[in-house]
Amino acid sequence: MQYYLLSVITPTEGTPPGPEAMAEIVRNLDTFHAELREAGAWVFAGGLHGPETATVLRPGDGDLLITDGPYSEGKEYLGGICLIKAPDLDAALEWGKRATWATTLPIEVRPFMHLAVG
């Protein structure tokens, strides 16, 4: 089995979903996560706070520079992640499609080169 990262791509502009729409998205995600568990593809998942809560650590000249906020400005940011196991890219893309429908947001599917667990 290969591990894949499903990244939730969240736009920085626009209006966030209202409470009712957000409640439906959460229900859809709960269903999606249950399907992953049932299929044995679940590893873990979680949403992230906005990029304004980020702290960036940057090495340089034998020291470490610590700055608040995102590394770069952009039109979108990483809003959440889901780590799954899948036999191949096609299977991972199928899970990515389901994640897209659950979140109503773009999903990036990317295989891990190496994964240290345990």
C-alpha atoms as a PDB file:
ATOM      1  CA  MET A   1       0.000   0.000   0.000  1.00  0.00           C
ATOM      2  CA  GLN A   2       1.113   3.516  -0.805  1.00  0.00           C
ATOM      3  CA  TYR A   3       0.335   6.549   1.377  1.00  0.00           C
ATOM      4  CA  TYR A   4      -1.267   9.624  -0.187  1.00  0.00           C
ATOM      5  CA  LEU A   5      -1.913  13.107   1.127  1.00  0.00           C
ATOM      6  CA  LEU A   6      -5.270  14.663   0.274  1.00  0.00           C
ATOM      7  CA  SER A   7      -4.785  18.415   0.748  1.00  0.00           C
ATOM      8  CA  VAL A   8      -7.823  20.672   1.079  1.00  0.00           C
ATOM      9  CA  ILE A   9      -7.167  23.835  -0.944  1.00  0.00           C
ATOM     10  CA  THR A  10      -9.025  26.779   0.629  1.00  0.00           C
ATOM     11  CA  PRO A  11      -9.452  30.132  -1.132  1.00  0.00           C
ATOM     12  CA  THR A  12      -8.331  33.257   0.748  1.00  0.00           C
ATOM     13  CA  GLU A  13     -10.975  35.400  -0.958  1.00  0.00           C
ATOM     14  CA  GLY A  14     -14.731  35.041  -0.990  1.00  0.00           C
ATOM     15  CA  THR A  15     -17.302  34.415   1.691  1.00  0.00           C
ATOM     16  CA  PRO A  16     -16.943  31.374   3.953  1.00  0.00           C
ATOM     17  CA  PRO A  17     -19.954  29.062   4.106  1.00  0.00           C
ATOM     18  CA  GLY A  18     -22.699  30.027   6.542  1.00  0.00           C
ATOM     19  CA  PRO A  19     -23.479  27.904   9.615  1.00  0.00           C
ATOM     20  CA  GLU A  20     -26.036  25.663   7.853  1.00  0.00           C
ATOM     21  CA  ALA A  21     -23.772  25.021   4.854  1.00  0.00           C
ATOM     22  CA  MET A  22     -20.806  24.393   7.168  1.00  0.00           C
ATOM     23  CA  ALA A  23     -22.845  21.909   9.217  1.00  0.00           C
ATOM     24  CA  GLU A  24     -23.643  20.006   6.009  1.00  0.00           C
ATOM     25  CA  ILE A  25     -19.959  19.982   5.008  1.00  0.00           C
ATOM     26  CA  VAL A  26     -19.032  18.596   8.441  1.00  0.00           C
ATOM     27  CA  ARG A  27     -21.693  15.851   8.087  1.00  0.00           C
ATOM     28  CA  ASN A  28     -20.351  15.016   4.613  1.00  0.00           C
ATOM     29  CA  LEU A  29     -16.792  14.847   5.942  1.00  0.00           C
ATOM     30  CA  ASP A  30     -17.892  12.568   8.807  1.00  0.00           C
ATOM     31  CA  THR A  31     -19.470  10.243   6.232  1.00  0.00           C
ATOM     32  CA  PHE A  32     -16.354  10.391   4.032  1.00  0.00           C
ATOM     33  CA  HIS A  33     -14.081   9.579   6.983  1.00  0.00           C
ATOM     34  CA  ALA A  34     -16.340   6.673   7.977  1.00  0.00           C
ATOM     35  CA  GLU A  35     -16.086   5.306   4.416  1.00  0.00           C
ATOM     36  CA  LEU A  36     -12.290   5.570   4.575  1.00  0.00           C
ATOM     37  CA  ARG A  37     -12.242   3.668   7.889  1.00  0.00           C
ATOM     38  CA  GLU A  38     -14.578   0.977   6.568  1.00  0.00           C
ATOM     39  CA  ALA A  39     -12.382   0.487   3.487  1.00  0.00           C
ATOM     40  CA  GLY A  40      -9.171   0.304   5.562  1.00  0.00           C
ATOM     41  CA  ALA A  41      -7.823   3.432   3.824  1.00  0.00           C
ATOM     42  CA  TRP A  42      -8.020   5.765   6.859  1.00  0.00           C
ATOM     43  CA  VAL A  43      -4.798   6.971   8.497  1.00  0.00           C
ATOM     44  CA  PHE A  44      -5.763  10.409   9.897  1.00  0.00           C
ATOM     45  CA  ALA A  45      -7.351  13.719   8.934  1.00  0.00           C
ATOM     46  CA  GLY A  46      -7.754  17.204  10.332  1.00  0.00           C
ATOM     47  CA  GLY A  47      -8.575  20.782   9.523  1.00  0.00           C
ATOM     48  CA  LEU A  48      -6.102  23.608   9.997  1.00  0.00           C
ATOM     49  CA  HIS A  49      -6.557  27.124  11.352  1.00  0.00           C
ATOM     50  CA  GLY A  50      -6.029  29.930   8.839  1.00  0.00           C
ATOM     51  CA  PRO A  51      -2.584  30.966   7.606  1.00  0.00           C
ATOM     52  CA  GLU A  52      -2.624  34.027   9.884  1.00  0.00           C
ATOM     53  CA  THR A  53      -2.009  31.602  12.796  1.00  0.00           C
ATOM     54  CA  ALA A  54       1.139  30.159  11.205  1.00  0.00           C
ATOM     55  CA  THR A  55       4.690  30.533  12.475  1.00  0.00           C
ATOM     56  CA  VAL A  56       7.485  30.062   9.945  1.00  0.00           C
ATOM     57  CA  LEU A  57      10.936  28.819  10.999  1.00  0.00           C
ATOM     58  CA  ARG A  58      13.722  29.613   8.538  1.00  0.00           C
ATOM     59  CA  PRO A  59      17.362  28.497   8.901  1.00  0.00           C
ATOM     60  CA  GLY A  60      20.163  30.827   7.891  1.00  0.00           C
ATOM     61  CA  ASP A  61      23.729  31.747   8.815  1.00  0.00           C
ATOM     62  CA  GLY A  62      23.844  29.291  11.736  1.00  0.00           C
ATOM     63  CA  ASP A  63      20.757  30.878  13.298  1.00  0.00           C
ATOM     64  CA  LEU A  64      16.998  30.448  13.090  1.00  0.00           C
ATOM     65  CA  LEU A  65      14.618  33.191  11.962  1.00  0.00           C
ATOM     66  CA  ILE A  66      11.082  32.933  13.354  1.00  0.00           C
ATOM     67  CA  THR A  67       8.298  34.956  11.718  1.00  0.00           C
ATOM     68  CA  ASP A  68       4.538  35.123  12.145  1.00  0.00           C
ATOM     69  CA  GLY A  69       2.115  34.389   9.363  1.00  0.00           C
ATOM     70  CA  PRO A  70       2.398  32.450   6.141  1.00  0.00           C
ATOM     71  CA  TYR A  71       5.650  32.094   4.246  1.00  0.00           C
ATOM     72  CA  SER A  72       4.109  33.693   1.175  1.00  0.00           C
ATOM     73  CA  GLU A  73       0.908  35.443   0.206  1.00  0.00           C
ATOM     74  CA  GLY A  74      -1.408  33.539  -2.072  1.00  0.00           C
ATOM     75  CA  LYS A  75      -4.942  33.206  -3.338  1.00  0.00           C
ATOM     76  CA  GLU A  76      -5.368  29.903  -1.517  1.00  0.00           C
ATOM     77  CA  TYR A  77      -3.927  28.016   1.425  1.00  0.00           C
ATOM     78  CA  LEU A  78      -3.803  24.571   2.961  1.00  0.00           C
ATOM     79  CA  GLY A  79      -7.045  24.277   4.919  1.00  0.00           C
ATOM     80  CA  GLY A  80      -6.846  20.655   6.008  1.00  0.00           C
ATOM     81  CA  ILE A  81      -5.283  17.301   5.299  1.00  0.00           C
ATOM     82  CA  CYS A  82      -6.239  13.667   5.111  1.00  0.00           C
ATOM     83  CA  LEU A  83      -3.630  10.921   5.005  1.00  0.00           C
ATOM     84  CA  ILE A  84      -4.848   7.724   3.345  1.00  0.00           C
ATOM     85  CA  LYS A  85      -3.559   4.336   2.222  1.00  0.00           C
ATOM     86  CA  ALA A  86      -4.398   3.220  -1.302  1.00  0.00           C
ATOM     87  CA  PRO A  87      -3.081   0.491  -3.599  1.00  0.00           C
ATOM     88  CA  ASP A  88      -2.353   2.954  -6.419  1.00  0.00           C
ATOM     89  CA  LEU A  89      -2.879   6.475  -7.725  1.00  0.00           C
ATOM     90  CA  ASP A  90      -6.208   5.633  -9.375  1.00  0.00           C
ATOM     91  CA  ALA A  91      -7.650   4.476  -6.040  1.00  0.00           C
ATOM     92  CA  ALA A  92      -6.255   7.580  -4.304  1.00  0.00           C
ATOM     93  CA  LEU A  93      -7.836   9.797  -6.966  1.00  0.00           C
ATOM     94  CA  GLU A  94     -11.200   8.139  -6.324  1.00  0.00           C
ATOM     95  CA  TRP A  95     -10.873   9.046  -2.635  1.00  0.00           C
ATOM     96  CA  GLY A  96      -9.821  12.546  -3.700  1.00  0.00           C
ATOM     97  CA  LYS A  97     -13.001  12.883  -5.769  1.00  0.00           C
ATOM     98  CA  ARG A  98     -15.079  11.908  -2.737  1.00  0.00           C
ATOM     99  CA  ALA A  99     -13.180  14.430  -0.617  1.00  0.00           C
ATOM    100  CA  THR A 100     -13.892  17.146  -3.191  1.00  0.00           C
ATOM    101  CA  TRP A 101     -17.628  16.454  -3.024  1.00  0.00           C
ATOM    102  CA  ALA A 102     -17.558  16.351   0.800  1.00  0.00           C
ATOM    103  CA  THR A 103     -15.614  19.600   1.272  1.00  0.00           C
ATOM    104  CA  THR A 104     -16.894  21.464  -1.817  1.00  0.00           C
ATOM    105  CA  LEU A 105     -13.250  22.567  -2.271  1.00  0.00           C
ATOM    106  CA  PRO A 106     -10.378  21.533  -4.540  1.00  0.00           C
ATOM    107  CA  ILE A 107      -8.342  18.565  -3.302  1.00  0.00           C
ATOM    108  CA  GLU A 108      -4.708  17.950  -4.204  1.00  0.00           C
ATOM    109  CA  VAL A 109      -3.736  14.251  -4.210  1.00  0.00           C
ATOM    110  CA  ARG A 110      -0.029  13.608  -3.732  1.00  0.00           C
ATOM    111  CA  PRO A 111       1.897  10.391  -3.000  1.00  0.00           C
ATOM    112  CA  PHE A 112       4.500  10.249  -0.264  1.00  0.00           C
ATOM    113  CA  MET A 113       8.084   9.496  -1.283  1.00  0.00           C
ATOM    114  CA  HIS A 114       8.951   8.134   2.154  1.00  0.00           C
ATOM    115  CA  LEU A 115       6.845   7.938   5.281  1.00  0.00           C
ATOM    116  CA  ALA A 116       8.218   7.296   8.741  1.00  0.00           C
ATOM    117  CA  VAL A 117       5.530   5.936  11.066  1.00  0.00           C
ATOM    118  CA  GLY A 118       5.508   4.420  14.518  1.00  0.00           C
END
